[in-house]
């Protein structure tokens, strides 16, 4: 099952729309090619995997004492990080999970549990 999920995480399958969809679609509204790419529904990471990877990213930050990192620590209150450090952690999370976190959402991520929840609930996190 894990091998299947790993393969499907990187596999994209082309699917053509049905003939009925083509008849309903006008040339001015739709492109000539009816191709949709999607992946399997079970390729999401489990919450435990996301938690482990988020904590790993935070532990690798140069100003963080890895022994203090747990799922419920606050970046500023518990780890003594400033706002620039928080931005660097968010950027590292974007790189780790291959996603883009908008600034208004990044400003809300101030603790490990908020980072875990955001990444776990993000549809494009890999």
PDB file of N, CA and C in Angstrom:
ATOM      1  N   UNK A   1       0.820  -1.192   0.000  1.00  0.00           N
ATOM      2  CA  UNK A   1       0.000   0.000   0.000  1.00  0.00           C
ATOM      3  C   UNK A   1       0.868   1.262   0.000  1.00  0.00           C
ATOM      4  N   UNK A   2       1.967   1.235   0.764  1.00  0.00           N
ATOM      5  CA  UNK A   2       2.851   2.399   0.813  1.00  0.00           C
ATOM      6  C   UNK A   2       3.538   2.609  -0.541  1.00  0.00           C
ATOM      7  N   UNK A   3       3.914   1.505  -1.189  1.00  0.00           N
ATOM      8  CA  UNK A   3       4.539   1.614  -2.506  1.00  0.00           C
ATOM      9  C   UNK A   3       3.559   2.206  -3.509  1.00  0.00           C
ATOM     10  N   UNK A   4       2.308   1.756  -3.457  1.00  0.00           N
ATOM     11  CA  UNK A   4       1.272   2.277  -4.352  1.00  0.00           C
ATOM     12  C   UNK A   4       1.090   3.775  -4.147  1.00  0.00           C
ATOM     13  N   UNK A   5       1.032   4.205  -2.895  1.00  0.00           N
ATOM     14  CA  UNK A   5       0.865   5.627  -2.603  1.00  0.00           C
ATOM     15  C   UNK A   5       2.061   6.430  -3.088  1.00  0.00           C
ATOM     16  N   UNK A   6       3.268   5.877  -2.924  1.00  0.00           N
ATOM     17  CA  UNK A   6       4.474   6.576  -3.379  1.00  0.00           C
ATOM     18  C   UNK A   6       4.479   6.733  -4.898  1.00  0.00           C
ATOM     19  N   UNK A   7       4.081   5.689  -5.608  1.00  0.00           N
ATOM     20  CA  UNK A   7       4.035   5.760  -7.074  1.00  0.00           C
ATOM     21  C   UNK A   7       2.965   6.734  -7.525  1.00  0.00           C
ATOM     22  N   UNK A   8       1.787   6.643  -6.938  1.00  0.00           N
ATOM     23  CA  UNK A   8       0.683   7.513  -7.347  1.00  0.00           C
ATOM     24  C   UNK A   8       0.931   8.975  -6.995  1.00  0.00           C
ATOM     25  N   UNK A   9       1.760   9.228  -6.000  1.00  0.00           N
ATOM     26  CA  UNK A   9       2.079  10.599  -5.626  1.00  0.00           C
ATOM     27  C   UNK A   9       2.773  11.330  -6.778  1.00  0.00           C
ATOM     28  N   UNK A  10       3.486  10.574  -7.611  1.00  0.00           N
ATOM     29  CA  UNK A  10       4.247  11.179  -8.708  1.00  0.00           C
ATOM     30  C   UNK A  10       3.654  10.888 -10.077  1.00  0.00           C
ATOM     31  N   UNK A  11       2.558  10.175 -10.139  1.00  0.00           N
ATOM     32  CA  UNK A  11       1.960   9.766 -11.404  1.00  0.00           C
ATOM     33  C   UNK A  11       0.755  10.636 -11.732  1.00  0.00           C
ATOM     34  N   UNK A  12       0.664  11.078 -12.931  1.00  0.00           N
ATOM     35  CA  UNK A  12      -0.489  11.838 -13.408  1.00  0.00           C
ATOM     36  C   UNK A  12      -1.096  11.079 -14.571  1.00  0.00           C
ATOM     37  N   UNK A  13      -2.399  10.918 -14.586  1.00  0.00           N
ATOM     38  CA  UNK A  13      -3.082  10.137 -15.602  1.00  0.00           C
ATOM     39  C   UNK A  13      -3.929  11.060 -16.466  1.00  0.00           C
ATOM     40  N   UNK A  14      -3.718  11.059 -17.811  1.00  0.00           N
ATOM     41  CA  UNK A  14      -4.566  11.878 -18.673  1.00  0.00           C
ATOM     42  C   UNK A  14      -5.939  11.229 -18.851  1.00  0.00           C
ATOM     43  N   UNK A  15      -6.978  12.030 -18.774  1.00  0.00           N
ATOM     44  CA  UNK A  15      -8.340  11.533 -18.930  1.00  0.00           C
ATOM     45  C   UNK A  15      -9.063  12.453 -19.895  1.00  0.00           C
ATOM     46  N   UNK A  16      -9.775  11.879 -20.867  1.00  0.00           N
ATOM     47  CA  UNK A  16     -10.523  12.691 -21.808  1.00  0.00           C
ATOM     48  C   UNK A  16     -11.968  12.786 -21.350  1.00  0.00           C
ATOM     49  N   UNK A  17     -12.580  13.954 -21.596  1.00  0.00           N
ATOM     50  CA  UNK A  17     -13.978  14.147 -21.257  1.00  0.00           C
ATOM     51  C   UNK A  17     -14.850  13.273 -22.155  1.00  0.00           C
ATOM     52  N   UNK A  18     -16.026  12.954 -21.704  1.00  0.00           N
ATOM     53  CA  UNK A  18     -16.936  12.127 -22.481  1.00  0.00           C
ATOM     54  C   UNK A  18     -17.480  12.895 -23.684  1.00  0.00           C
ATOM     55  N   UNK A  19     -18.075  12.173 -24.611  1.00  0.00           N
ATOM     56  CA  UNK A  19     -18.653  12.789 -25.811  1.00  0.00           C
ATOM     57  C   UNK A  19     -19.775  13.742 -25.431  1.00  0.00           C
ATOM     58  N   UNK A  20     -20.525  13.437 -24.393  1.00  0.00           N
ATOM     59  CA  UNK A  20     -21.594  14.315 -23.932  1.00  0.00           C
ATOM     60  C   UNK A  20     -21.036  15.671 -23.502  1.00  0.00           C
ATOM     61  N   UNK A  21     -19.916  15.662 -22.805  1.00  0.00           N
ATOM     62  CA  UNK A  21     -19.306  16.918 -22.374  1.00  0.00           C
ATOM     63  C   UNK A  21     -18.833  17.726 -23.575  1.00  0.00           C
ATOM     64  N   UNK A  22     -18.353  17.050 -24.608  1.00  0.00           N
ATOM     65  CA  UNK A  22     -17.895  17.760 -25.797  1.00  0.00           C
ATOM     66  C   UNK A  22     -19.050  18.461 -26.517  1.00  0.00           C
ATOM     67  N   UNK A  23     -20.200  17.828 -26.568  1.00  0.00           N
ATOM     68  CA  UNK A  23     -21.351  18.431 -27.240  1.00  0.00           C
ATOM     69  C   UNK A  23     -21.853  19.659 -26.499  1.00  0.00           C
ATOM     70  N   UNK A  24     -21.745  19.651 -25.182  1.00  0.00           N
ATOM     71  CA  UNK A  24     -22.218  20.783 -24.387  1.00  0.00           C
ATOM     72  C   UNK A  24     -21.237  21.939 -24.390  1.00  0.00           C
ATOM     73  N   UNK A  25     -20.030  21.685 -24.812  1.00  0.00           N
ATOM     74  CA  UNK A  25     -18.982  22.688 -24.759  1.00  0.00           C
ATOM     75  C   UNK A  25     -18.868  23.376 -26.121  1.00  0.00           C
ATOM     76  N   UNK A  26     -18.942  24.683 -26.157  1.00  0.00           N
ATOM     77  CA  UNK A  26     -18.824  25.438 -27.394  1.00  0.00           C
ATOM     78  C   UNK A  26     -17.372  25.777 -27.659  1.00  0.00           C
ATOM     79  N   UNK A  27     -17.035  25.903 -28.937  1.00  0.00           N
ATOM     80  CA  UNK A  27     -15.649  26.150 -29.321  1.00  0.00           C
ATOM     81  C   UNK A  27     -15.105  27.434 -28.714  1.00  0.00           C
ATOM     82  N   UNK A  28     -15.930  28.434 -28.521  1.00  0.00           N
ATOM     83  CA  UNK A  28     -15.445  29.694 -27.967  1.00  0.00           C
ATOM     84  C   UNK A  28     -15.198  29.608 -26.469  1.00  0.00           C
ATOM     85  N   UNK A  29     -15.844  28.668 -25.802  1.00  0.00           N
ATOM     86  CA  UNK A  29     -15.697  28.557 -24.349  1.00  0.00           C
ATOM     87  C   UNK A  29     -14.649  27.542 -23.929  1.00  0.00           C
ATOM     88  N   UNK A  30     -14.406  26.539 -24.749  1.00  0.00           N
ATOM     89  CA  UNK A  30     -13.521  25.450 -24.354  1.00  0.00           C
ATOM     90  C   UNK A  30     -12.414  25.268 -25.385  1.00  0.00           C
ATOM     91  N   UNK A  31     -11.306  24.739 -24.934  1.00  0.00           N
ATOM     92  CA  UNK A  31     -10.219  24.459 -25.865  1.00  0.00           C
ATOM     93  C   UNK A  31     -10.534  23.198 -26.654  1.00  0.00           C
ATOM     94  N   UNK A  32      -9.770  22.975 -27.703  1.00  0.00           N
ATOM     95  CA  UNK A  32      -9.996  21.829 -28.568  1.00  0.00           C
ATOM     96  C   UNK A  32      -9.664  20.538 -27.834  1.00  0.00           C
ATOM     97  N   UNK A  33      -8.667  20.569 -27.014  1.00  0.00           N
ATOM     98  CA  UNK A  33      -8.285  19.366 -26.288  1.00  0.00           C
ATOM     99  C   UNK A  33      -9.042  19.287 -24.970  1.00  0.00           C
ATOM    100  N   UNK A  34      -9.594  18.146 -24.721  1.00  0.00           N
ATOM    101  CA  UNK A  34     -10.334  17.925 -23.479  1.00  0.00           C
ATOM    102  C   UNK A  34      -9.503  16.968 -22.625  1.00  0.00           C
ATOM    103  N   UNK A  35      -8.541  17.531 -21.953  1.00  0.00           N
ATOM    104  CA  UNK A  35      -7.619  16.723 -21.187  1.00  0.00           C
ATOM    105  C   UNK A  35      -7.565  17.246 -19.761  1.00  0.00           C
ATOM    106  N   UNK A  36      -7.728  16.377 -18.846  1.00  0.00           N
ATOM    107  CA  UNK A  36      -7.703  16.772 -17.446  1.00  0.00           C
ATOM    108  C   UNK A  36      -6.717  15.874 -16.726  1.00  0.00           C
ATOM    109  N   UNK A  37      -5.837  16.471 -15.944  1.00  0.00           N
ATOM    110  CA  UNK A  37      -4.853  15.694 -15.215  1.00  0.00           C
ATOM    111  C   UNK A  37      -5.226  15.662 -13.742  1.00  0.00           C
ATOM    112  N   UNK A  38      -5.123  14.493 -13.174  1.00  0.00           N
ATOM    113  CA  UNK A  38      -5.367  14.379 -11.738  1.00  0.00           C
ATOM    114  C   UNK A  38      -4.651  13.140 -11.221  1.00  0.00           C
ATOM    115  N   UNK A  39      -4.533  13.046  -9.910  1.00  0.00           N
ATOM    116  CA  UNK A  39      -3.865  11.902  -9.322  1.00  0.00           C
ATOM    117  C   UNK A  39      -4.820  11.170  -8.397  1.00  0.00           C
ATOM    118  N   UNK A  40      -4.340  10.088  -7.861  1.00  0.00           N
ATOM    119  CA  UNK A  40      -5.152   9.271  -6.976  1.00  0.00           C
ATOM    120  C   UNK A  40      -5.556  10.032  -5.724  1.00  0.00           C
ATOM    121  N   UNK A  41      -6.691   9.678  -5.150  1.00  0.00           N
ATOM    122  CA  UNK A  41      -7.193  10.355  -3.962  1.00  0.00           C
ATOM    123  C   UNK A  41      -6.464   9.960  -2.695  1.00  0.00           C
ATOM    124  N   UNK A  42      -5.700   8.887  -2.710  1.00  0.00           N
ATOM    125  CA  UNK A  42      -5.069   8.421  -1.486  1.00  0.00           C
ATOM    126  C   UNK A  42      -3.581   8.763  -1.407  1.00  0.00           C
ATOM    127  N   UNK A  43      -3.142   9.787  -2.144  1.00  0.00           N
ATOM    128  CA  UNK A  43      -1.731  10.135  -2.130  1.00  0.00           C
ATOM    129  C   UNK A  43      -1.372  11.176  -1.077  1.00  0.00           C
ATOM    130  N   UNK A  44      -2.315  11.572  -0.243  1.00  0.00           N
ATOM    131  CA  UNK A  44      -2.034  12.541   0.817  1.00  0.00           C
ATOM    132  C   UNK A  44      -1.221  11.889   1.917  1.00  0.00           C
ATOM    133  N   UNK A  45      -0.366  12.683   2.520  1.00  0.00           N
ATOM    134  CA  UNK A  45       0.397  12.211   3.663  1.00  0.00           C
ATOM    135  C   UNK A  45      -0.517  12.112   4.877  1.00  0.00           C
ATOM    136  N   UNK A  46      -0.187  11.202   5.760  1.00  0.00           N
ATOM    137  CA  UNK A  46      -0.959  11.093   6.994  1.00  0.00           C
ATOM    138  C   UNK A  46      -0.570  12.246   7.918  1.00  0.00           C
ATOM    139  N   UNK A  47      -1.380  12.485   8.906  1.00  0.00           N
ATOM    140  CA  UNK A  47      -1.100  13.569   9.846  1.00  0.00           C
ATOM    141  C   UNK A  47       0.207  13.305  10.593  1.00  0.00           C
ATOM    142  N   UNK A  48       0.503  12.056  10.889  1.00  0.00           N
ATOM    143  CA  UNK A  48       1.748  11.713  11.581  1.00  0.00           C
ATOM    144  C   UNK A  48       2.963  12.023  10.703  1.00  0.00           C
ATOM    145  N   UNK A  49       2.853  11.718   9.394  1.00  0.00           N
ATOM    146  CA  UNK A  49       3.950  12.019   8.473  1.00  0.00           C
ATOM    147  C   UNK A  49       4.159  13.528   8.360  1.00  0.00           C
ATOM    148  N   UNK A  50       3.072  14.274   8.260  1.00  0.00           N
ATOM    149  CA  UNK A  50       3.175  15.735   8.170  1.00  0.00           C
ATOM    150  C   UNK A  50       3.798  16.285   9.447  1.00  0.00           C
ATOM    151  N   UNK A  51       3.350  15.796  10.598  1.00  0.00           N
ATOM    152  CA  UNK A  51       3.895  16.256  11.876  1.00  0.00           C
ATOM    153  C   UNK A  51       5.389  15.994  11.950  1.00  0.00           C
ATOM    154  N   UNK A  52       5.796  14.805  11.569  1.00  0.00           N
ATOM    155  CA  UNK A  52       7.215  14.446  11.601  1.00  0.00           C
ATOM    156  C   UNK A  52       8.045  15.349  10.687  1.00  0.00           C
ATOM    157  N   UNK A  53       7.559  15.598   9.482  1.00  0.00           N
ATOM    158  CA  UNK A  53       8.305  16.433   8.533  1.00  0.00           C
ATOM    159  C   UNK A  53       8.347  17.898   8.964  1.00  0.00           C
ATOM    160  N   UNK A  54       7.222  18.420   9.500  1.00  0.00           N
ATOM    161  CA  UNK A  54       7.200  19.815   9.964  1.00  0.00           C
ATOM    162  C   UNK A  54       8.176  19.984  11.121  1.00  0.00           C
ATOM    163  N   UNK A  55       8.141  19.076  12.080  1.00  0.00           N
ATOM    164  CA  UNK A  55       9.056  19.168  13.215  1.00  0.00           C
ATOM    165  C   UNK A  55      10.510  19.056  12.771  1.00  0.00           C
ATOM    166  N   UNK A  56      10.767  18.218  11.767  1.00  0.00           N
ATOM    167  CA  UNK A  56      12.115  18.081  11.229  1.00  0.00           C
ATOM    168  C   UNK A  56      12.605  19.391  10.610  1.00  0.00           C
ATOM    169  N   UNK A  57      11.728  20.062   9.874  1.00  0.00           N
ATOM    170  CA  UNK A  57      12.088  21.359   9.273  1.00  0.00           C
ATOM    171  C   UNK A  57      12.412  22.369  10.358  1.00  0.00           C
ATOM    172  N   UNK A  58      11.608  22.407  11.389  1.00  0.00           N
ATOM    173  CA  UNK A  58      11.818  23.379  12.471  1.00  0.00           C
ATOM    174  C   UNK A  58      13.092  23.055  13.246  1.00  0.00           C
ATOM    175  N   UNK A  59      13.373  21.790  13.475  1.00  0.00           N
ATOM    176  CA  UNK A  59      14.593  21.397  14.193  1.00  0.00           C
ATOM    177  C   UNK A  59      15.850  21.756  13.416  1.00  0.00           C
ATOM    178  N   UNK A  60      15.760  21.790  12.090  1.00  0.00           N
ATOM    179  CA  UNK A  60      16.922  22.124  11.261  1.00  0.00           C
ATOM    180  C   UNK A  60      17.228  23.616  11.231  1.00  0.00           C
ATOM    181  N   UNK A  61      16.307  24.451  11.708  1.00  0.00           N
ATOM    182  CA  UNK A  61      16.542  25.897  11.712  1.00  0.00           C
ATOM    183  C   UNK A  61      17.707  26.192  12.648  1.00  0.00           C
ATOM    184  N   UNK A  62      18.603  27.064  12.207  1.00  0.00           N
ATOM    185  CA  UNK A  62      19.857  27.293  12.926  1.00  0.00           C
ATOM    186  C   UNK A  62      19.686  27.862  14.335  1.00  0.00           C
ATOM    187  N   UNK A  63      18.618  28.589  14.619  1.00  0.00           N
ATOM    188  CA  UNK A  63      18.441  29.206  15.935  1.00  0.00           C
ATOM    189  C   UNK A  63      17.561  28.383  16.877  1.00  0.00           C
ATOM    190  N   UNK A  64      17.214  27.182  16.475  1.00  0.00           N
ATOM    191  CA  UNK A  64      16.311  26.365  17.272  1.00  0.00           C
ATOM    192  C   UNK A  64      17.089  25.261  17.980  1.00  0.00           C
ATOM    193  N   UNK A  65      16.800  25.091  19.264  1.00  0.00           N
ATOM    194  CA  UNK A  65      17.331  23.972  20.027  1.00  0.00           C
ATOM    195  C   UNK A  65      16.419  22.774  19.746  1.00  0.00           C
ATOM    196  N   UNK A  66      16.905  21.760  19.020  1.00  0.00           N
ATOM    197  CA  UNK A  66      16.041  20.634  18.634  1.00  0.00           C
ATOM    198  C   UNK A  66      15.364  19.933  19.805  1.00  0.00           C
ATOM    199  N   UNK A  67      15.969  19.967  20.984  1.00  0.00           N
ATOM    200  CA  UNK A  67      15.377  19.285  22.134  1.00  0.00           C
ATOM    201  C   UNK A  67      14.108  19.972  22.633  1.00  0.00           C
ATOM    202  N   UNK A  68      13.910  21.231  22.269  1.00  0.00           N
ATOM    203  CA  UNK A  68      12.729  21.979  22.706  1.00  0.00           C
ATOM    204  C   UNK A  68      11.548  21.865  21.744  1.00  0.00           C
ATOM    205  N   UNK A  69      11.771  21.289  20.573  1.00  0.00           N
ATOM    206  CA  UNK A  69      10.728  21.240  19.548  1.00  0.00           C
ATOM    207  C   UNK A  69       9.761  20.094  19.817  1.00  0.00           C
ATOM    208  N   UNK A  70       8.481  20.435  19.846  1.00  0.00           N
ATOM    209  CA  UNK A  70       7.405  19.457  19.975  1.00  0.00           C
ATOM    210  C   UNK A  70       6.208  20.007  19.201  1.00  0.00           C
ATOM    211  N   UNK A  71       5.180  19.199  18.973  1.00  0.00           N
ATOM    212  CA  UNK A  71       4.044  19.672  18.180  1.00  0.00           C
ATOM    213  C   UNK A  71       3.288  20.863  18.762  1.00  0.00           C
ATOM    214  N   UNK A  72       3.447  21.165  20.039  1.00  0.00           N
ATOM    215  CA  UNK A  72       2.658  22.246  20.632  1.00  0.00           C
ATOM    216  C   UNK A  72       3.475  23.462  21.055  1.00  0.00           C
ATOM    217  N   UNK A  73       4.708  23.638  20.550  1.00  0.00           N
ATOM    218  CA  UNK A  73       5.507  24.811  20.927  1.00  0.00           C
ATOM    219  C   UNK A  73       5.181  26.008  20.048  1.00  0.00           C
ATOM    220  N   UNK A  74       5.275  27.175  20.655  1.00  0.00           N
ATOM    221  CA  UNK A  74       5.073  28.446  19.954  1.00  0.00           C
ATOM    222  C   UNK A  74       6.449  28.949  19.538  1.00  0.00           C
ATOM    223  N   UNK A  75       6.541  29.484  18.327  1.00  0.00           N
ATOM    224  CA  UNK A  75       7.836  29.913  17.807  1.00  0.00           C
ATOM    225  C   UNK A  75       8.475  31.007  18.664  1.00  0.00           C
ATOM    226  N   UNK A  76       7.725  32.038  19.026  1.00  0.00           N
ATOM    227  CA  UNK A  76       8.298  33.155  19.778  1.00  0.00           C
ATOM    228  C   UNK A  76       8.344  32.881  21.271  1.00  0.00           C
ATOM    229  N   UNK A  77       7.245  32.412  21.838  1.00  0.00           N
ATOM    230  CA  UNK A  77       7.172  32.226  23.296  1.00  0.00           C
ATOM    231  C   UNK A  77       8.058  31.095  23.785  1.00  0.00           C
ATOM    232  N   UNK A  78       8.044  29.968  23.092  1.00  0.00           N
ATOM    233  CA  UNK A  78       8.762  28.788  23.574  1.00  0.00           C
ATOM    234  C   UNK A  78      10.161  28.627  22.979  1.00  0.00           C
ATOM    235  N   UNK A  79      10.324  29.016  21.724  1.00  0.00           N
ATOM    236  CA  UNK A  79      11.617  28.831  21.064  1.00  0.00           C
ATOM    237  C   UNK A  79      12.443  30.116  20.975  1.00  0.00           C
ATOM    238  N   UNK A  80      11.838  31.255  21.325  1.00  0.00           N
ATOM    239  CA  UNK A  80      12.560  32.530  21.317  1.00  0.00           C
ATOM    240  C   UNK A  80      12.893  33.043  19.928  1.00  0.00           C
ATOM    241  N   UNK A  81      12.101  32.688  18.941  1.00  0.00           N
ATOM    242  CA  UNK A  81      12.357  33.138  17.575  1.00  0.00           C
ATOM    243  C   UNK A  81      11.681  34.479  17.316  1.00  0.00           C
ATOM    244  N   UNK A  82      12.277  35.281  16.440  1.00  0.00           N
ATOM    245  CA  UNK A  82      11.644  36.548  16.066  1.00  0.00           C
ATOM    246  C   UNK A  82      10.863  36.359  14.768  1.00  0.00           C
ATOM    247  N   UNK A  83      10.272  37.447  14.280  1.00  0.00           N
ATOM    248  CA  UNK A  83       9.410  37.352  13.098  1.00  0.00           C
ATOM    249  C   UNK A  83      10.189  36.933  11.845  1.00  0.00           C
ATOM    250  N   UNK A  84      11.438  37.349  11.731  1.00  0.00           N
ATOM    251  CA  UNK A  84      12.252  36.955  10.584  1.00  0.00           C
ATOM    252  C   UNK A  84      12.520  35.445  10.606  1.00  0.00           C
ATOM    253  N   UNK A  85      12.775  34.906  11.792  1.00  0.00           N
ATOM    254  CA  UNK A  85      12.972  33.464  11.915  1.00  0.00           C
ATOM    255  C   UNK A  85      11.705  32.707  11.520  1.00  0.00           C
ATOM    256  N   UNK A  86      10.561  33.243  11.917  1.00  0.00           N
ATOM    257  CA  UNK A  86       9.288  32.617  11.562  1.00  0.00           C
ATOM    258  C   UNK A  86       9.094  32.606  10.058  1.00  0.00           C
ATOM    259  N   UNK A  87       9.445  33.701   9.396  1.00  0.00           N
ATOM    260  CA  UNK A  87       9.349  33.771   7.931  1.00  0.00           C
ATOM    261  C   UNK A  87      10.274  32.736   7.299  1.00  0.00           C
ATOM    262  N   UNK A  88      11.476  32.584   7.839  1.00  0.00           N
ATOM    263  CA  UNK A  88      12.409  31.598   7.306  1.00  0.00           C
ATOM    264  C   UNK A  88      11.873  30.177   7.477  1.00  0.00           C
ATOM    265  N   UNK A  89      11.222  29.910   8.601  1.00  0.00           N
ATOM    266  CA  UNK A  89      10.634  28.588   8.824  1.00  0.00           C
ATOM    267  C   UNK A  89       9.501  28.340   7.834  1.00  0.00           C
ATOM    268  N   UNK A  90       8.662  29.335   7.624  1.00  0.00           N
ATOM    269  CA  UNK A  90       7.560  29.189   6.662  1.00  0.00           C
ATOM    270  C   UNK A  90       8.116  28.939   5.262  1.00  0.00           C
ATOM    271  N   UNK A  91       9.166  29.634   4.898  1.00  0.00           N
ATOM    272  CA  UNK A  91       9.788  29.413   3.591  1.00  0.00           C
ATOM    273  C   UNK A  91      10.363  27.999   3.482  1.00  0.00           C
ATOM    274  N   UNK A  92      10.941  27.509   4.573  1.00  0.00           N
ATOM    275  CA  UNK A  92      11.473  26.145   4.582  1.00  0.00           C
ATOM    276  C   UNK A  92      10.344  25.125   4.455  1.00  0.00           C
ATOM    277  N   UNK A  93       9.196  25.416   5.075  1.00  0.00           N
ATOM    278  CA  UNK A  93       8.039  24.536   4.950  1.00  0.00           C
ATOM    279  C   UNK A  93       7.522  24.522   3.514  1.00  0.00           C
ATOM    280  N   UNK A  94       7.509  25.690   2.871  1.00  0.00           N
ATOM    281  CA  UNK A  94       7.089  25.753   1.463  1.00  0.00           C
ATOM    282  C   UNK A  94       7.981  24.883   0.597  1.00  0.00           C
ATOM    283  N   UNK A  95       9.274  24.958   0.853  1.00  0.00           N
ATOM    284  CA  UNK A  95      10.213  24.163   0.074  1.00  0.00           C
ATOM    285  C   UNK A  95      10.058  22.671   0.366  1.00  0.00           C
ATOM    286  N   UNK A  96       9.911  22.314   1.617  1.00  0.00           N
ATOM    287  CA  UNK A  96       9.781  20.908   2.011  1.00  0.00           C
ATOM    288  C   UNK A  96       8.540  20.256   1.406  1.00  0.00           C
ATOM    289  N   UNK A  97       7.413  20.979   1.440  1.00  0.00           N
ATOM    290  CA  UNK A  97       6.151  20.401   0.993  1.00  0.00           C
ATOM    291  C   UNK A  97       5.759  20.828  -0.424  1.00  0.00           C
ATOM    292  N   UNK A  98       6.630  21.570  -1.099  1.00  0.00           N
ATOM    293  CA  UNK A  98       6.408  21.999  -2.487  1.00  0.00           C
ATOM    294  C   UNK A  98       5.065  22.706  -2.648  1.00  0.00           C
ATOM    295  N   UNK A  99       4.862  23.718  -1.829  1.00  0.00           N
ATOM    296  CA  UNK A  99       3.640  24.509  -1.917  1.00  0.00           C
ATOM    297  C   UNK A  99       3.966  25.974  -1.673  1.00  0.00           C
ATOM    298  N   UNK A 100       3.002  26.817  -1.977  1.00  0.00           N
ATOM    299  CA  UNK A 100       3.172  28.245  -1.757  1.00  0.00           C
ATOM    300  C   UNK A 100       2.156  28.692  -0.716  1.00  0.00           C
ATOM    301  N   UNK A 101       2.660  29.330   0.339  1.00  0.00           N
ATOM    302  CA  UNK A 101       1.803  29.815   1.415  1.00  0.00           C
ATOM    303  C   UNK A 101       1.652  31.317   1.232  1.00  0.00           C
ATOM    304  N   UNK A 102       0.435  31.807   0.994  1.00  0.00           N
ATOM    305  CA  UNK A 102       0.232  33.248   0.829  1.00  0.00           C
ATOM    306  C   UNK A 102       0.634  34.008   2.103  1.00  0.00           C
ATOM    307  N   UNK A 103       1.034  35.263   1.938  1.00  0.00           N
ATOM    308  CA  UNK A 103       1.504  36.069   3.065  1.00  0.00           C
ATOM    309  C   UNK A 103       0.475  36.164   4.181  1.00  0.00           C
ATOM    310  N   UNK A 104      -0.800  36.347   3.815  1.00  0.00           N
ATOM    311  CA  UNK A 104      -1.826  36.482   4.860  1.00  0.00           C
ATOM    312  C   UNK A 104      -1.985  35.190   5.655  1.00  0.00           C
ATOM    313  N   UNK A 105      -1.736  34.037   5.053  1.00  0.00           N
ATOM    314  CA  UNK A 105      -1.780  32.762   5.767  1.00  0.00           C
ATOM    315  C   UNK A 105      -0.484  32.533   6.542  1.00  0.00           C
ATOM    316  N   UNK A 106       0.640  32.934   5.965  1.00  0.00           N
ATOM    317  CA  UNK A 106       1.930  32.761   6.633  1.00  0.00           C
ATOM    318  C   UNK A 106       1.990  33.553   7.933  1.00  0.00           C
ATOM    319  N   UNK A 107       1.353  34.713   7.956  1.00  0.00           N
ATOM    320  CA  UNK A 107       1.334  35.533   9.169  1.00  0.00           C
ATOM    321  C   UNK A 107       0.621  34.840  10.321  1.00  0.00           C
ATOM    322  N   UNK A 108      -0.269  33.916  10.021  1.00  0.00           N
ATOM    323  CA  UNK A 108      -1.038  33.210  11.051  1.00  0.00           C
ATOM    324  C   UNK A 108      -0.277  32.017  11.633  1.00  0.00           C
ATOM    325  N   UNK A 109       0.763  31.577  10.947  1.00  0.00           N
ATOM    326  CA  UNK A 109       1.513  30.406  11.405  1.00  0.00           C
ATOM    327  C   UNK A 109       2.556  30.867  12.421  1.00  0.00           C
ATOM    328  N   UNK A 110       2.233  30.675  13.702  1.00  0.00           N
ATOM    329  CA  UNK A 110       3.108  31.131  14.776  1.00  0.00           C
ATOM    330  C   UNK A 110       3.510  29.998  15.719  1.00  0.00           C
ATOM    331  N   UNK A 111       3.103  28.782  15.411  1.00  0.00           N
ATOM    332  CA  UNK A 111       3.451  27.650  16.268  1.00  0.00           C
ATOM    333  C   UNK A 111       3.521  26.382  15.434  1.00  0.00           C
ATOM    334  N   UNK A 112       4.076  25.349  16.024  1.00  0.00           N
ATOM    335  CA  UNK A 112       4.207  24.073  15.310  1.00  0.00           C
ATOM    336  C   UNK A 112       2.847  23.492  14.956  1.00  0.00           C
ATOM    337  N   UNK A 113       1.915  23.537  15.901  1.00  0.00           N
ATOM    338  CA  UNK A 113       0.611  22.932  15.614  1.00  0.00           C
ATOM    339  C   UNK A 113      -0.141  23.673  14.509  1.00  0.00           C
ATOM    340  N   UNK A 114       0.014  24.999  14.432  1.00  0.00           N
ATOM    341  CA  UNK A 114      -0.618  25.746  13.336  1.00  0.00           C
ATOM    342  C   UNK A 114       0.034  25.408  11.999  1.00  0.00           C
ATOM    343  N   UNK A 115       1.357  25.223  12.002  1.00  0.00           N
ATOM    344  CA  UNK A 115       2.059  24.836  10.775  1.00  0.00           C
ATOM    345  C   UNK A 115       1.623  23.443  10.326  1.00  0.00           C
ATOM    346  N   UNK A 116       1.499  22.532  11.271  1.00  0.00           N
ATOM    347  CA  UNK A 116       1.084  21.164  10.957  1.00  0.00           C
ATOM    348  C   UNK A 116      -0.328  21.170  10.372  1.00  0.00           C
ATOM    349  N   UNK A 117      -1.240  21.884  11.007  1.00  0.00           N
ATOM    350  CA  UNK A 117      -2.623  21.945  10.529  1.00  0.00           C
ATOM    351  C   UNK A 117      -2.702  22.555   9.136  1.00  0.00           C
ATOM    352  N   UNK A 118      -1.947  23.653   8.902  1.00  0.00           N
ATOM    353  CA  UNK A 118      -1.998  24.302   7.604  1.00  0.00           C
ATOM    354  C   UNK A 118      -1.511  23.345   6.511  1.00  0.00           C
ATOM    355  N   UNK A 119      -0.352  22.730   6.733  1.00  0.00           N
ATOM    356  CA  UNK A 119       0.207  21.841   5.713  1.00  0.00           C
ATOM    357  C   UNK A 119      -0.684  20.624   5.501  1.00  0.00           C
ATOM    358  N   UNK A 120      -1.174  20.041   6.578  1.00  0.00           N
ATOM    359  CA  UNK A 120      -2.015  18.849   6.453  1.00  0.00           C
ATOM    360  C   UNK A 120      -3.295  19.137   5.679  1.00  0.00           C
ATOM    361  N   UNK A 121      -3.871  20.310   5.869  1.00  0.00           N
ATOM    362  CA  UNK A 121      -5.126  20.661   5.205  1.00  0.00           C
ATOM    363  C   UNK A 121      -4.931  21.263   3.825  1.00  0.00           C
ATOM    364  N   UNK A 122      -3.697  21.548   3.433  1.00  0.00           N
ATOM    365  CA  UNK A 122      -3.446  22.155   2.120  1.00  0.00           C
ATOM    366  C   UNK A 122      -3.570  21.079   1.041  1.00  0.00           C
ATOM    367  N   UNK A 123      -4.397  21.313   0.024  1.00  0.00           N
ATOM    368  CA  UNK A 123      -4.637  20.274  -0.992  1.00  0.00           C
ATOM    369  C   UNK A 123      -3.431  19.978  -1.878  1.00  0.00           C
ATOM    370  N   UNK A 124      -2.485  20.900  -1.984  1.00  0.00           N
ATOM    371  CA  UNK A 124      -1.360  20.691  -2.888  1.00  0.00           C
ATOM    372  C   UNK A 124      -0.085  20.247  -2.178  1.00  0.00           C
ATOM    373  N   UNK A 125      -0.132  20.034  -0.880  1.00  0.00           N
ATOM    374  CA  UNK A 125       1.063  19.612  -0.148  1.00  0.00           C
ATOM    375  C   UNK A 125       1.479  18.216  -0.590  1.00  0.00           C
ATOM    376  N   UNK A 126       2.781  18.046  -0.824  1.00  0.00           N
ATOM    377  CA  UNK A 126       3.261  16.728  -1.258  1.00  0.00           C
ATOM    378  C   UNK A 126       4.189  16.127  -0.229  1.00  0.00           C
TER     379      UNK A 126
END
